[in-house]
């Protein structure tokens, strides 16, 4: 089994495997509710009350999931889009006029600090943790979904842990995790002590699939979403 059926704990080797297994888990163990506030008000969500996804080799390329041929389903992302997402939404402080923020609004200033903490401690620290959002974020119409990006060196490997308050399992997971893996690789490039790439562990108490994706997800999984 790719995960503990009772605990929603998924262990996958790649981002692609994690995407497929997480959707399967959501279909099997999720609950349905009608959205009253947030994205896509009026639609139904299939949601997990919690999920932990451990990706043991997140650096494996391609980062973007490959879809079965012949289904006619457009890919959710590509490695080129993931690279652009990393640069524009995680690394640099840029945003469109219509955007209240991007993740990089909060992340980019903390990246040099994380690198400095890791280098000064040679990885022997629990303080290399980036927070996304501030005390005003809850007032926004669409507060940040990603809230914590934590880095720790464990047995000579740089691991990343992330927390999403809400997470679109079909459309967002591959691009989010692909971009975060590129962020981890960027930080690795700036470390001055011996350390290798490590795991990504994700937690969410609101991992979901939107109703508009049900027909597509039904083509990708053995189990079907039935309302």
N, C-alpha and C. Protein backbone atom coordinates (compact mmCIF):
# COMPACT_ATOMS: atom_id res chain seq x y z
N UNK A 1 0.84 -1.19 0.00
CA UNK A 1 0.00 0.00 0.00
C UNK A 1 0.88 1.25 0.00
N UNK A 2 0.51 2.29 -0.77
CA UNK A 2 1.33 3.50 -0.80
C UNK A 2 1.16 4.37 0.43
N UNK A 3 0.17 4.05 1.28
CA UNK A 3 -0.04 4.86 2.48
C UNK A 3 -0.82 4.05 3.50
N UNK A 4 -0.82 4.52 4.75
CA UNK A 4 -1.62 3.93 5.81
C UNK A 4 -3.06 4.38 5.61
N UNK A 5 -3.95 3.47 5.28
CA UNK A 5 -5.32 3.81 4.92
C UNK A 5 -6.06 4.49 6.05
N UNK A 6 -5.66 4.24 7.29
CA UNK A 6 -6.36 4.82 8.43
C UNK A 6 -5.80 6.17 8.83
N UNK A 7 -4.56 6.44 8.48
CA UNK A 7 -3.90 7.65 8.95
C UNK A 7 -3.62 8.67 7.85
N UNK A 8 -3.96 8.36 6.60
CA UNK A 8 -3.69 9.27 5.48
C UNK A 8 -2.21 9.65 5.43
N UNK A 9 -1.36 8.66 5.59
CA UNK A 9 0.09 8.87 5.56
C UNK A 9 0.64 8.22 4.29
N UNK A 10 1.14 9.06 3.39
CA UNK A 10 1.59 8.61 2.07
C UNK A 10 3.11 8.68 2.00
N UNK A 11 3.72 7.63 1.51
CA UNK A 11 5.15 7.63 1.24
C UNK A 11 5.33 7.35 -0.25
N UNK A 12 5.93 8.29 -0.95
CA UNK A 12 6.13 8.16 -2.39
C UNK A 12 7.57 8.52 -2.72
N UNK A 13 8.07 7.97 -3.80
CA UNK A 13 9.45 8.26 -4.20
C UNK A 13 9.56 9.59 -4.92
N UNK A 14 8.60 9.90 -5.79
CA UNK A 14 8.68 11.08 -6.64
C UNK A 14 7.46 11.98 -6.44
N UNK A 15 7.54 13.19 -6.98
CA UNK A 15 6.39 14.10 -6.95
C UNK A 15 5.23 13.49 -7.72
N UNK A 16 5.52 12.87 -8.84
CA UNK A 16 4.47 12.25 -9.65
C UNK A 16 3.73 11.17 -8.87
N UNK A 17 4.46 10.28 -8.19
CA UNK A 17 3.83 9.23 -7.42
C UNK A 17 3.01 9.82 -6.27
N UNK A 18 3.54 10.86 -5.63
CA UNK A 18 2.83 11.49 -4.52
C UNK A 18 1.50 12.08 -5.00
N UNK A 19 1.50 12.67 -6.17
CA UNK A 19 0.28 13.28 -6.73
C UNK A 19 -0.80 12.23 -6.95
N UNK A 20 -0.45 11.15 -7.61
CA UNK A 20 -1.42 10.09 -7.85
C UNK A 20 -1.92 9.47 -6.54
N UNK A 21 -1.00 9.16 -5.62
CA UNK A 21 -1.39 8.51 -4.38
C UNK A 21 -2.23 9.41 -3.49
N UNK A 22 -1.91 10.71 -3.48
CA UNK A 22 -2.66 11.65 -2.64
C UNK A 22 -4.10 11.81 -3.15
N UNK A 23 -4.27 11.85 -4.46
CA UNK A 23 -5.64 11.94 -4.98
C UNK A 23 -6.42 10.67 -4.68
N UNK A 24 -5.77 9.52 -4.83
CA UNK A 24 -6.43 8.25 -4.51
C UNK A 24 -6.86 8.23 -3.05
N UNK A 25 -5.98 8.70 -2.17
CA UNK A 25 -6.29 8.76 -0.75
C UNK A 25 -7.47 9.69 -0.48
N UNK A 26 -7.49 10.82 -1.16
CA UNK A 26 -8.57 11.79 -0.97
C UNK A 26 -9.91 11.21 -1.42
N UNK A 27 -9.90 10.49 -2.54
CA UNK A 27 -11.12 9.86 -3.02
C UNK A 27 -11.62 8.83 -2.02
N UNK A 28 -10.73 8.02 -1.50
CA UNK A 28 -11.11 6.93 -0.60
C UNK A 28 -11.53 7.43 0.78
N UNK A 29 -10.78 8.38 1.33
CA UNK A 29 -10.95 8.74 2.74
C UNK A 29 -11.54 10.13 2.97
N UNK A 30 -11.78 10.89 1.90
CA UNK A 30 -12.24 12.26 2.08
C UNK A 30 -13.73 12.37 2.40
N UNK A 31 -14.11 13.55 2.79
CA UNK A 31 -15.52 13.87 3.04
C UNK A 31 -15.91 15.02 2.12
N UNK A 32 -17.19 15.18 1.87
CA UNK A 32 -17.68 16.19 0.95
C UNK A 32 -18.38 17.32 1.69
N UNK A 33 -18.18 18.55 1.21
CA UNK A 33 -18.96 19.68 1.73
C UNK A 33 -19.06 20.76 0.67
N UNK A 34 -20.07 21.58 0.81
CA UNK A 34 -20.30 22.69 -0.11
C UNK A 34 -19.54 23.91 0.40
N UNK A 35 -18.76 24.54 -0.47
CA UNK A 35 -17.93 25.68 -0.08
C UNK A 35 -18.79 26.90 0.15
N UNK A 36 -18.72 27.47 1.33
CA UNK A 36 -19.47 28.68 1.68
C UNK A 36 -18.60 29.92 1.70
N UNK A 37 -17.31 29.74 1.86
CA UNK A 37 -16.37 30.87 1.83
C UNK A 37 -15.03 30.36 1.34
N UNK A 38 -14.40 31.14 0.46
CA UNK A 38 -13.12 30.75 -0.10
C UNK A 38 -13.22 30.62 -1.61
N UNK A 39 -12.30 29.85 -2.19
CA UNK A 39 -12.28 29.67 -3.63
C UNK A 39 -13.44 28.80 -4.09
N UNK A 40 -14.07 29.21 -5.21
CA UNK A 40 -15.12 28.43 -5.86
C UNK A 40 -16.32 28.18 -4.93
N UNK A 41 -16.83 29.27 -4.38
CA UNK A 41 -18.03 29.19 -3.53
C UNK A 41 -19.16 28.54 -4.31
N UNK A 42 -19.86 27.62 -3.66
CA UNK A 42 -20.98 26.92 -4.28
C UNK A 42 -20.62 25.55 -4.81
N UNK A 43 -19.31 25.31 -5.06
CA UNK A 43 -18.89 23.99 -5.50
C UNK A 43 -18.75 23.04 -4.31
N UNK A 44 -18.67 21.76 -4.62
CA UNK A 44 -18.40 20.75 -3.61
C UNK A 44 -16.92 20.42 -3.60
N UNK A 45 -16.38 20.22 -2.42
CA UNK A 45 -15.01 19.73 -2.27
C UNK A 45 -15.04 18.32 -1.71
N UNK A 46 -14.17 17.46 -2.22
CA UNK A 46 -13.82 16.22 -1.54
C UNK A 46 -12.53 16.52 -0.79
N UNK A 47 -12.54 16.40 0.54
CA UNK A 47 -11.43 16.90 1.35
C UNK A 47 -11.01 15.88 2.40
N UNK A 48 -9.71 15.87 2.71
CA UNK A 48 -9.18 15.10 3.82
C UNK A 48 -9.05 15.99 5.05
N UNK A 49 -9.38 15.44 6.21
CA UNK A 49 -9.22 16.24 7.43
C UNK A 49 -7.76 16.43 7.78
N UNK A 50 -6.90 15.56 7.27
CA UNK A 50 -5.45 15.73 7.40
C UNK A 50 -4.77 14.78 6.45
N UNK A 51 -3.58 15.11 6.04
CA UNK A 51 -2.77 14.22 5.22
C UNK A 51 -1.30 14.56 5.43
N UNK A 52 -0.47 13.53 5.45
CA UNK A 52 0.98 13.68 5.48
C UNK A 52 1.53 12.98 4.24
N UNK A 53 2.32 13.70 3.46
CA UNK A 53 2.91 13.15 2.24
C UNK A 53 4.43 13.26 2.35
N UNK A 54 5.08 12.12 2.35
CA UNK A 54 6.55 12.07 2.45
C UNK A 54 7.09 11.65 1.10
N UNK A 55 7.90 12.51 0.49
CA UNK A 55 8.48 12.25 -0.83
C UNK A 55 9.98 12.01 -0.63
N UNK A 56 10.43 10.80 -0.90
CA UNK A 56 11.79 10.42 -0.54
C UNK A 56 12.85 10.86 -1.54
N UNK A 57 12.47 11.00 -2.83
CA UNK A 57 13.41 11.46 -3.85
C UNK A 57 12.75 12.56 -4.70
N UNK A 58 12.46 13.70 -4.09
CA UNK A 58 11.70 14.74 -4.80
C UNK A 58 12.47 15.42 -5.92
N UNK A 59 13.76 15.16 -6.00
CA UNK A 59 14.59 15.75 -7.07
C UNK A 59 14.45 15.01 -8.39
N UNK A 60 13.77 13.88 -8.41
CA UNK A 60 13.65 13.07 -9.62
C UNK A 60 12.94 13.84 -10.72
N UNK A 61 13.55 13.84 -11.91
CA UNK A 61 12.96 14.50 -13.07
C UNK A 61 12.27 13.47 -13.95
N UNK A 62 11.21 13.86 -14.66
CA UNK A 62 10.61 15.20 -14.62
C UNK A 62 9.88 15.44 -13.30
N UNK A 63 9.83 16.71 -12.89
CA UNK A 63 9.06 17.07 -11.70
C UNK A 63 7.57 17.03 -11.99
N UNK A 64 7.18 17.43 -13.17
CA UNK A 64 5.76 17.47 -13.54
C UNK A 64 5.25 16.05 -13.81
N UNK A 65 4.07 15.72 -13.31
CA UNK A 65 3.51 14.38 -13.54
C UNK A 65 3.24 14.14 -15.02
N UNK A 66 3.45 12.89 -15.42
CA UNK A 66 3.13 12.47 -16.77
C UNK A 66 1.75 11.80 -16.75
N UNK A 67 0.91 12.18 -17.71
CA UNK A 67 -0.44 11.64 -17.78
C UNK A 67 -0.50 10.50 -18.79
N UNK A 68 -1.38 9.54 -18.54
CA UNK A 68 -1.51 8.43 -19.50
C UNK A 68 -1.89 8.95 -20.88
N UNK A 69 -1.27 8.37 -21.91
CA UNK A 69 -1.58 8.79 -23.27
C UNK A 69 -2.98 8.32 -23.67
N UNK A 70 -3.61 9.12 -24.51
CA UNK A 70 -4.90 8.73 -25.05
C UNK A 70 -6.10 9.21 -24.27
N UNK A 71 -5.88 9.82 -23.09
CA UNK A 71 -7.02 10.29 -22.30
C UNK A 71 -7.49 11.68 -22.73
N UNK A 72 -6.62 12.42 -23.42
CA UNK A 72 -6.98 13.76 -23.85
C UNK A 72 -7.05 14.76 -22.71
N UNK A 73 -6.35 14.48 -21.61
CA UNK A 73 -6.34 15.38 -20.45
C UNK A 73 -5.13 16.29 -20.55
N UNK A 74 -5.32 17.61 -20.51
CA UNK A 74 -4.16 18.51 -20.56
C UNK A 74 -3.34 18.39 -19.28
N UNK A 75 -2.03 18.46 -19.35
CA UNK A 75 -1.20 18.36 -18.15
C UNK A 75 -1.46 19.52 -17.21
N UNK A 76 -1.37 19.25 -15.92
CA UNK A 76 -1.60 20.32 -14.94
C UNK A 76 -0.46 21.33 -14.95
N UNK A 77 0.74 20.87 -15.30
CA UNK A 77 1.90 21.76 -15.37
C UNK A 77 2.97 21.08 -16.20
N UNK A 78 4.12 21.74 -16.32
CA UNK A 78 5.29 21.19 -17.01
C UNK A 78 6.52 21.62 -16.23
N UNK A 79 7.66 21.02 -16.53
CA UNK A 79 8.88 21.42 -15.84
C UNK A 79 9.22 22.88 -16.13
N UNK A 80 8.90 23.36 -17.33
CA UNK A 80 9.14 24.77 -17.66
C UNK A 80 8.25 25.68 -16.81
N UNK A 81 6.99 25.32 -16.64
CA UNK A 81 6.08 26.11 -15.81
C UNK A 81 6.51 26.07 -14.34
N UNK A 82 7.00 24.92 -13.91
CA UNK A 82 7.48 24.80 -12.53
C UNK A 82 8.67 25.71 -12.31
N UNK A 83 9.59 25.78 -13.26
CA UNK A 83 10.74 26.67 -13.14
C UNK A 83 10.29 28.13 -13.07
N UNK A 84 9.30 28.50 -13.88
CA UNK A 84 8.79 29.86 -13.86
C UNK A 84 8.08 30.16 -12.53
N UNK A 85 7.32 29.18 -12.04
CA UNK A 85 6.65 29.33 -10.75
C UNK A 85 7.68 29.54 -9.64
N UNK A 86 8.74 28.75 -9.64
CA UNK A 86 9.79 28.91 -8.64
C UNK A 86 10.38 30.31 -8.67
N UNK A 87 10.71 30.79 -9.86
CA UNK A 87 11.36 32.09 -9.96
C UNK A 87 10.42 33.23 -9.59
N UNK A 88 9.18 33.17 -10.07
CA UNK A 88 8.27 34.30 -9.89
C UNK A 88 7.51 34.26 -8.57
N UNK A 89 7.24 33.08 -8.04
CA UNK A 89 6.36 32.98 -6.87
C UNK A 89 7.05 32.50 -5.60
N UNK A 90 8.31 32.07 -5.70
CA UNK A 90 9.03 31.62 -4.51
C UNK A 90 10.34 32.37 -4.28
N UNK A 91 11.02 32.77 -5.34
CA UNK A 91 12.37 33.31 -5.20
C UNK A 91 12.42 34.83 -5.22
N UNK A 92 11.74 35.47 -6.17
CA UNK A 92 11.87 36.91 -6.36
C UNK A 92 10.62 37.65 -5.91
N UNK A 93 10.81 38.86 -5.45
CA UNK A 93 9.70 39.66 -4.92
C UNK A 93 9.01 40.40 -6.07
N UNK A 94 8.28 39.67 -6.89
CA UNK A 94 7.54 40.28 -7.98
C UNK A 94 6.09 39.85 -7.89
N UNK A 95 5.18 40.74 -8.27
CA UNK A 95 3.77 40.40 -8.31
C UNK A 95 3.06 41.32 -9.29
N UNK A 96 1.96 40.84 -9.82
CA UNK A 96 1.14 41.64 -10.71
C UNK A 96 0.32 42.65 -9.90
N UNK A 97 -0.13 43.71 -10.56
CA UNK A 97 -0.91 44.74 -9.87
C UNK A 97 -2.18 44.17 -9.24
N UNK A 98 -2.76 43.17 -9.88
CA UNK A 98 -4.01 42.59 -9.38
C UNK A 98 -3.78 41.64 -8.21
N UNK A 99 -2.53 41.30 -7.93
CA UNK A 99 -2.23 40.34 -6.86
C UNK A 99 -1.97 41.07 -5.54
N UNK A 100 -2.60 40.58 -4.46
CA UNK A 100 -2.31 41.12 -3.14
C UNK A 100 -0.91 40.72 -2.67
N UNK A 101 -0.47 39.58 -3.11
CA UNK A 101 0.82 39.04 -2.70
C UNK A 101 1.16 37.85 -3.60
N UNK A 102 2.38 37.42 -3.54
CA UNK A 102 2.75 36.07 -3.96
C UNK A 102 3.48 35.45 -2.77
N UNK A 103 3.70 34.16 -2.80
CA UNK A 103 4.44 33.55 -1.70
C UNK A 103 5.80 34.22 -1.52
N UNK A 104 6.41 34.63 -2.63
CA UNK A 104 7.73 35.24 -2.54
C UNK A 104 7.70 36.59 -1.83
N UNK A 105 6.52 37.22 -1.74
CA UNK A 105 6.40 38.45 -0.96
C UNK A 105 6.92 38.23 0.45
N UNK A 106 6.65 37.05 0.99
CA UNK A 106 7.08 36.70 2.34
C UNK A 106 8.39 35.90 2.34
N UNK A 107 8.59 35.08 1.32
CA UNK A 107 9.69 34.11 1.34
C UNK A 107 11.04 34.74 0.99
N UNK A 108 11.06 35.62 -0.03
CA UNK A 108 12.36 35.98 -0.61
C UNK A 108 13.31 36.64 0.38
N UNK A 109 12.79 37.45 1.32
CA UNK A 109 13.66 38.10 2.30
C UNK A 109 14.21 37.13 3.34
N UNK A 110 13.54 35.99 3.49
CA UNK A 110 13.97 35.02 4.50
C UNK A 110 14.97 34.01 3.96
N UNK A 111 15.07 33.90 2.64
CA UNK A 111 15.99 32.91 2.06
C UNK A 111 17.44 33.15 2.47
N UNK A 112 17.99 34.39 2.37
CA UNK A 112 19.38 34.60 2.80
C UNK A 112 19.57 34.29 4.29
N UNK A 113 18.55 34.52 5.09
CA UNK A 113 18.66 34.24 6.53
C UNK A 113 18.73 32.74 6.76
N UNK A 114 17.90 31.98 6.04
CA UNK A 114 17.93 30.52 6.15
C UNK A 114 19.31 30.00 5.76
N UNK A 115 19.84 30.49 4.67
CA UNK A 115 21.17 30.06 4.22
C UNK A 115 22.22 30.38 5.27
N UNK A 116 22.14 31.57 5.85
CA UNK A 116 23.11 31.99 6.87
C UNK A 116 23.01 31.11 8.12
N UNK A 117 21.79 30.81 8.55
CA UNK A 117 21.60 29.96 9.72
C UNK A 117 22.19 28.58 9.49
N UNK A 118 21.91 28.01 8.32
CA UNK A 118 22.42 26.67 8.02
C UNK A 118 23.93 26.66 7.92
N UNK A 119 24.50 27.68 7.27
CA UNK A 119 25.97 27.72 7.12
C UNK A 119 26.67 27.93 8.46
N UNK A 120 26.17 28.85 9.28
CA UNK A 120 26.81 29.12 10.56
C UNK A 120 26.72 27.93 11.51
N UNK A 121 25.64 27.18 11.41
CA UNK A 121 25.44 26.05 12.31
C UNK A 121 25.91 24.72 11.70
N UNK A 122 26.33 24.76 10.43
CA UNK A 122 26.66 23.54 9.69
C UNK A 122 25.48 22.56 9.72
N UNK A 123 24.30 23.12 9.70
CA UNK A 123 23.08 22.32 9.68
C UNK A 123 22.59 21.87 11.03
N UNK A 124 23.29 22.24 12.09
CA UNK A 124 22.91 21.81 13.44
C UNK A 124 22.04 22.87 14.12
N UNK A 125 20.86 23.11 13.53
CA UNK A 125 19.95 24.13 14.04
C UNK A 125 18.52 23.78 13.63
N UNK A 126 17.57 24.19 14.46
CA UNK A 126 16.14 24.05 14.15
C UNK A 126 15.52 25.39 13.75
N UNK A 127 16.35 26.41 13.49
CA UNK A 127 15.82 27.75 13.28
C UNK A 127 15.65 28.14 11.81
N UNK A 128 16.01 27.27 10.89
CA UNK A 128 15.93 27.61 9.47
C UNK A 128 14.51 27.36 8.95
N UNK A 129 13.61 28.19 9.41
CA UNK A 129 12.18 27.99 9.14
C UNK A 129 11.57 29.28 8.60
N UNK A 130 10.97 29.20 7.42
CA UNK A 130 10.35 30.34 6.76
C UNK A 130 8.85 30.34 7.05
N UNK A 131 8.31 31.49 7.42
CA UNK A 131 6.87 31.64 7.61
C UNK A 131 6.29 32.43 6.45
N UNK A 132 5.10 32.05 6.03
CA UNK A 132 4.41 32.71 4.92
C UNK A 132 3.14 33.34 5.47
N UNK A 133 2.99 34.65 5.25
CA UNK A 133 1.86 35.37 5.80
C UNK A 133 2.25 36.15 7.05
N UNK A 134 1.34 36.98 7.51
CA UNK A 134 1.56 37.77 8.72
C UNK A 134 0.22 37.93 9.44
N UNK A 135 0.17 38.81 10.42
CA UNK A 135 -1.06 38.94 11.21
C UNK A 135 -2.20 39.54 10.42
N UNK A 136 -1.92 40.16 9.29
CA UNK A 136 -2.97 40.75 8.46
C UNK A 136 -3.47 39.80 7.38
N UNK A 137 -2.78 38.69 7.19
CA UNK A 137 -3.12 37.79 6.08
C UNK A 137 -4.52 37.22 6.20
N UNK A 138 -4.98 37.00 7.42
CA UNK A 138 -6.31 36.42 7.61
C UNK A 138 -7.42 37.36 7.14
N UNK A 139 -7.09 38.64 6.99
CA UNK A 139 -8.07 39.62 6.51
C UNK A 139 -8.24 39.58 5.00
N UNK A 140 -7.34 38.93 4.29
CA UNK A 140 -7.40 38.90 2.84
C UNK A 140 -8.54 38.01 2.36
N UNK A 141 -9.04 38.31 1.17
CA UNK A 141 -10.07 37.45 0.57
C UNK A 141 -9.52 36.06 0.29
N UNK A 142 -8.24 35.98 -0.01
CA UNK A 142 -7.60 34.70 -0.32
C UNK A 142 -6.26 34.62 0.41
N UNK A 143 -6.27 34.27 1.70
CA UNK A 143 -5.01 34.19 2.46
C UNK A 143 -4.10 33.13 1.88
N UNK A 144 -2.79 33.23 2.15
CA UNK A 144 -1.86 32.23 1.62
C UNK A 144 -2.23 30.81 2.06
N UNK A 145 -2.15 29.88 1.12
CA UNK A 145 -2.39 28.46 1.44
C UNK A 145 -1.14 27.85 2.07
N UNK A 146 0.02 28.14 1.49
CA UNK A 146 1.29 27.69 2.05
C UNK A 146 1.64 28.57 3.24
N UNK A 147 1.93 27.97 4.40
CA UNK A 147 2.18 28.78 5.60
C UNK A 147 3.56 28.57 6.21
N UNK A 148 4.19 27.42 6.05
CA UNK A 148 5.49 27.15 6.67
C UNK A 148 6.36 26.37 5.69
N UNK A 149 7.63 26.78 5.59
CA UNK A 149 8.64 26.04 4.82
C UNK A 149 9.85 25.89 5.74
N UNK A 150 10.09 24.67 6.18
CA UNK A 150 11.11 24.41 7.20
C UNK A 150 12.24 23.58 6.61
N UNK A 151 13.48 23.92 6.98
CA UNK A 151 14.66 23.21 6.49
C UNK A 151 15.42 22.63 7.67
N UNK A 152 15.78 21.35 7.55
CA UNK A 152 16.60 20.71 8.58
C UNK A 152 17.57 19.75 7.92
N UNK A 153 18.79 19.72 8.43
CA UNK A 153 19.78 18.76 7.97
C UNK A 153 19.68 17.53 8.86
N UNK A 154 19.38 16.39 8.23
CA UNK A 154 19.22 15.13 8.96
C UNK A 154 20.12 14.08 8.30
N UNK A 155 21.08 13.57 9.06
CA UNK A 155 21.99 12.55 8.54
C UNK A 155 22.65 12.98 7.23
N UNK A 156 23.08 14.22 7.19
CA UNK A 156 23.81 14.73 6.04
C UNK A 156 22.95 15.09 4.84
N UNK A 157 21.64 15.17 5.03
CA UNK A 157 20.74 15.53 3.93
C UNK A 157 19.87 16.71 4.34
N UNK A 158 19.61 17.60 3.38
CA UNK A 158 18.76 18.75 3.64
C UNK A 158 17.31 18.36 3.36
N UNK A 159 16.54 18.23 4.42
CA UNK A 159 15.13 17.91 4.30
C UNK A 159 14.29 19.18 4.38
N UNK A 160 13.13 19.13 3.75
CA UNK A 160 12.19 20.25 3.78
C UNK A 160 10.84 19.74 4.30
N UNK A 161 10.23 20.51 5.20
CA UNK A 161 8.87 20.22 5.65
C UNK A 161 8.01 21.44 5.35
N UNK A 162 6.80 21.21 4.84
CA UNK A 162 5.92 22.31 4.48
C UNK A 162 4.52 22.06 5.03
N UNK A 163 3.81 23.15 5.30
CA UNK A 163 2.44 23.07 5.79
C UNK A 163 1.54 23.93 4.92
N UNK A 164 0.46 23.33 4.44
CA UNK A 164 -0.56 24.03 3.67
C UNK A 164 -1.85 24.05 4.48
N UNK A 165 -2.42 25.23 4.72
CA UNK A 165 -3.70 25.29 5.42
C UNK A 165 -4.81 24.76 4.52
N UNK A 166 -4.66 24.97 3.21
CA UNK A 166 -5.60 24.49 2.21
C UNK A 166 -4.79 24.14 0.98
N UNK A 167 -5.16 23.03 0.29
CA UNK A 167 -4.28 22.56 -0.78
C UNK A 167 -5.10 21.90 -1.87
N UNK A 168 -5.06 22.47 -3.06
CA UNK A 168 -5.72 21.91 -4.24
C UNK A 168 -4.89 20.72 -4.72
N UNK A 169 -5.41 19.51 -4.47
CA UNK A 169 -4.64 18.31 -4.73
C UNK A 169 -4.44 18.01 -6.20
N UNK A 170 -5.41 18.39 -7.04
CA UNK A 170 -5.27 18.08 -8.46
C UNK A 170 -4.40 19.11 -9.19
N UNK A 171 -4.79 20.38 -9.12
CA UNK A 171 -4.15 21.39 -9.96
C UNK A 171 -2.88 21.98 -9.36
N UNK A 172 -2.79 22.05 -8.03
CA UNK A 172 -1.71 22.81 -7.41
C UNK A 172 -0.55 21.97 -6.90
N UNK A 173 -0.80 20.76 -6.42
CA UNK A 173 0.26 19.99 -5.78
C UNK A 173 1.52 19.86 -6.64
N UNK A 174 1.43 19.43 -7.89
CA UNK A 174 2.67 19.24 -8.66
C UNK A 174 3.50 20.50 -8.82
N UNK A 175 2.84 21.63 -9.08
CA UNK A 175 3.59 22.87 -9.28
C UNK A 175 4.13 23.39 -7.95
N UNK A 176 3.33 23.28 -6.89
CA UNK A 176 3.80 23.70 -5.57
C UNK A 176 5.04 22.93 -5.15
N UNK A 177 4.95 21.60 -5.17
CA UNK A 177 6.06 20.79 -4.69
C UNK A 177 7.24 20.85 -5.65
N UNK A 178 6.99 20.90 -6.94
CA UNK A 178 8.08 21.07 -7.89
C UNK A 178 8.84 22.36 -7.64
N UNK A 179 8.11 23.45 -7.43
CA UNK A 179 8.75 24.73 -7.16
C UNK A 179 9.50 24.73 -5.85
N UNK A 180 8.93 24.11 -4.83
CA UNK A 180 9.60 24.04 -3.53
C UNK A 180 10.86 23.18 -3.60
N UNK A 181 10.83 22.14 -4.42
CA UNK A 181 12.05 21.35 -4.62
C UNK A 181 13.14 22.21 -5.26
N UNK A 182 12.78 23.04 -6.23
CA UNK A 182 13.77 23.93 -6.83
C UNK A 182 14.29 24.94 -5.81
N UNK A 183 13.44 25.38 -4.89
CA UNK A 183 13.90 26.26 -3.82
C UNK A 183 14.91 25.54 -2.94
N UNK A 184 14.63 24.29 -2.62
CA UNK A 184 15.57 23.51 -1.82
C UNK A 184 16.90 23.35 -2.54
N UNK A 185 16.85 23.09 -3.84
CA UNK A 185 18.08 22.96 -4.62
C UNK A 185 18.85 24.28 -4.67
N UNK A 186 18.10 25.40 -4.73
CA UNK A 186 18.75 26.72 -4.73
C UNK A 186 19.51 26.93 -3.41
N UNK A 187 18.89 26.58 -2.31
CA UNK A 187 19.54 26.73 -1.01
C UNK A 187 20.74 25.80 -0.90
N UNK A 188 20.60 24.58 -1.39
CA UNK A 188 21.73 23.65 -1.37
C UNK A 188 22.96 24.23 -2.08
N UNK A 189 22.73 24.94 -3.19
CA UNK A 189 23.82 25.53 -3.95
C UNK A 189 24.60 26.56 -3.14
N UNK A 190 23.96 27.11 -2.11
CA UNK A 190 24.59 28.19 -1.35
C UNK A 190 25.09 27.74 0.02
N UNK A 191 25.10 26.43 0.26
CA UNK A 191 25.62 25.93 1.53
C UNK A 191 27.10 25.59 1.39
N UNK A 192 27.87 25.93 2.41
CA UNK A 192 29.32 25.78 2.34
C UNK A 192 29.85 24.61 3.16
N UNK A 193 29.00 23.64 3.45
CA UNK A 193 29.43 22.45 4.16
C UNK A 193 28.85 21.23 3.43
N UNK A 194 29.40 20.05 3.64
CA UNK A 194 28.94 18.86 2.91
C UNK A 194 27.50 18.49 3.29
N UNK A 195 26.62 18.50 2.32
CA UNK A 195 25.21 18.14 2.56
C UNK A 195 24.61 17.73 1.22
N UNK A 196 23.75 16.73 1.24
CA UNK A 196 23.11 16.24 0.03
C UNK A 196 21.62 16.59 0.07
N UNK A 197 20.98 16.42 -1.08
CA UNK A 197 19.54 16.68 -1.19
C UNK A 197 18.77 15.63 -0.39
N UNK A 198 17.65 16.06 0.17
CA UNK A 198 16.88 15.17 1.02
C UNK A 198 15.40 15.15 0.68
N UNK A 199 14.61 14.73 1.64
CA UNK A 199 13.18 14.50 1.46
C UNK A 199 12.38 15.80 1.55
N UNK A 200 11.14 15.71 1.08
CA UNK A 200 10.14 16.73 1.36
C UNK A 200 8.98 16.05 2.07
N UNK A 201 8.57 16.61 3.19
CA UNK A 201 7.40 16.12 3.93
C UNK A 201 6.36 17.22 3.97
N UNK A 202 5.16 16.90 3.52
CA UNK A 202 4.08 17.89 3.42
C UNK A 202 2.95 17.51 4.37
N UNK A 203 2.38 18.54 5.00
CA UNK A 203 1.19 18.33 5.84
C UNK A 203 0.11 19.31 5.43
N UNK A 204 -1.13 18.84 5.40
CA UNK A 204 -2.27 19.73 5.17
C UNK A 204 -3.48 19.20 5.93
N UNK A 205 -4.23 20.11 6.52
CA UNK A 205 -5.51 19.77 7.13
C UNK A 205 -6.67 20.13 6.21
N UNK A 206 -6.34 20.51 4.96
CA UNK A 206 -7.38 20.86 4.00
C UNK A 206 -7.00 20.45 2.59
N UNK A 207 -6.49 19.24 2.43
CA UNK A 207 -6.14 18.72 1.10
C UNK A 207 -7.43 18.31 0.41
N UNK A 208 -7.65 18.83 -0.83
CA UNK A 208 -8.96 18.62 -1.43
C UNK A 208 -8.89 18.51 -2.95
N UNK A 209 -9.98 18.03 -3.51
CA UNK A 209 -10.21 18.01 -4.95
C UNK A 209 -11.51 18.75 -5.21
N UNK A 210 -11.45 19.74 -6.11
CA UNK A 210 -12.65 20.51 -6.43
C UNK A 210 -13.58 19.72 -7.35
N UNK A 211 -14.86 20.01 -7.21
CA UNK A 211 -15.89 19.34 -8.01
C UNK A 211 -15.62 19.43 -9.50
N UNK A 212 -15.08 20.57 -9.95
CA UNK A 212 -14.87 20.74 -11.39
C UNK A 212 -13.81 19.78 -11.94
N UNK A 213 -12.99 19.20 -11.02
CA UNK A 213 -11.97 18.25 -11.45
C UNK A 213 -12.41 16.79 -11.29
N UNK A 214 -13.59 16.55 -10.72
CA UNK A 214 -14.02 15.18 -10.47
C UNK A 214 -13.97 14.31 -11.73
N UNK A 215 -14.51 14.78 -12.87
CA UNK A 215 -14.48 13.93 -14.07
C UNK A 215 -13.06 13.58 -14.51
N UNK A 216 -12.13 14.53 -14.38
CA UNK A 216 -10.75 14.26 -14.78
C UNK A 216 -10.10 13.27 -13.82
N UNK A 217 -10.28 13.51 -12.53
CA UNK A 217 -9.67 12.63 -11.53
C UNK A 217 -10.23 11.22 -11.64
N UNK A 218 -11.50 11.10 -12.00
CA UNK A 218 -12.09 9.78 -12.17
C UNK A 218 -11.40 8.98 -13.28
N UNK A 219 -10.83 9.67 -14.25
CA UNK A 219 -10.11 8.98 -15.32
C UNK A 219 -8.71 8.54 -14.90
N UNK A 220 -8.21 9.14 -13.82
CA UNK A 220 -6.84 8.86 -13.40
C UNK A 220 -6.72 7.85 -12.28
N UNK A 221 -7.84 7.49 -11.66
CA UNK A 221 -7.81 6.61 -10.50
C UNK A 221 -8.76 5.44 -10.67
N UNK A 222 -8.45 4.35 -10.00
CA UNK A 222 -9.33 3.18 -10.05
C UNK A 222 -10.63 3.50 -9.34
N UNK A 223 -10.55 4.11 -8.17
CA UNK A 223 -11.76 4.48 -7.43
C UNK A 223 -12.37 5.73 -8.05
N UNK A 224 -13.67 5.85 -7.95
CA UNK A 224 -14.39 6.97 -8.56
C UNK A 224 -15.00 7.86 -7.47
N UNK A 225 -15.02 9.16 -7.77
CA UNK A 225 -15.71 10.10 -6.89
C UNK A 225 -17.19 10.07 -7.24
N UNK A 226 -18.00 9.76 -6.26
CA UNK A 226 -19.45 9.71 -6.45
C UNK A 226 -20.09 10.64 -5.44
N UNK A 227 -20.89 11.57 -5.91
CA UNK A 227 -21.57 12.52 -5.03
C UNK A 227 -22.97 12.00 -4.72
